[in-house]
């Protein structure tokens, strides 16, 4: 029985390694929210990520990070509260086709089963990219989420505008 469980965990880890291109996060800054005398403080941290498949779009998200002993050793289960803001930062260029709801960025929020994900979609009628952040667990997810829209607009002197519906289905 134990060997079967280990085999399943190994297979799941292998599947995660084969996931499509994902963005890398950049820490922008942290701000303490709860002071702790002997261990790290609880903080809010702001991170930036570039969409790996859509050039010209960046997202920033804020997450709480637990301090204390559990946070110090990296074993704290983080809460599901996350805020998200995405913007066009240059000409939008699609690098390859994608599907509605594809993962842009994924991060573990607990030792084993909880993860935060930023996913991308396209509102074809309005030619708007939609980004949603949420957390989930293997057994019990969270309804807490945040959404941000990025209208695909001309940039600089170019009048050409890509249609997100041609790239995301």
Foldseek 3Di string as FASTA:
>chain_A
DVVVVVVVVVVVVVVVVPADDAWDKDWPDWDFDADDDPKDGWIKTKIKTDQPFKPQKIKIKIFIQHMDPCSRVVADQGDWDMEMEMEGRAQIDGNAAEEFFGWHHKDARHDPFKIKTWTWHAPQVQQKIKIKITMQGPVGGDPHIYMYIYHFADGDPDHDTDRVVVRYD
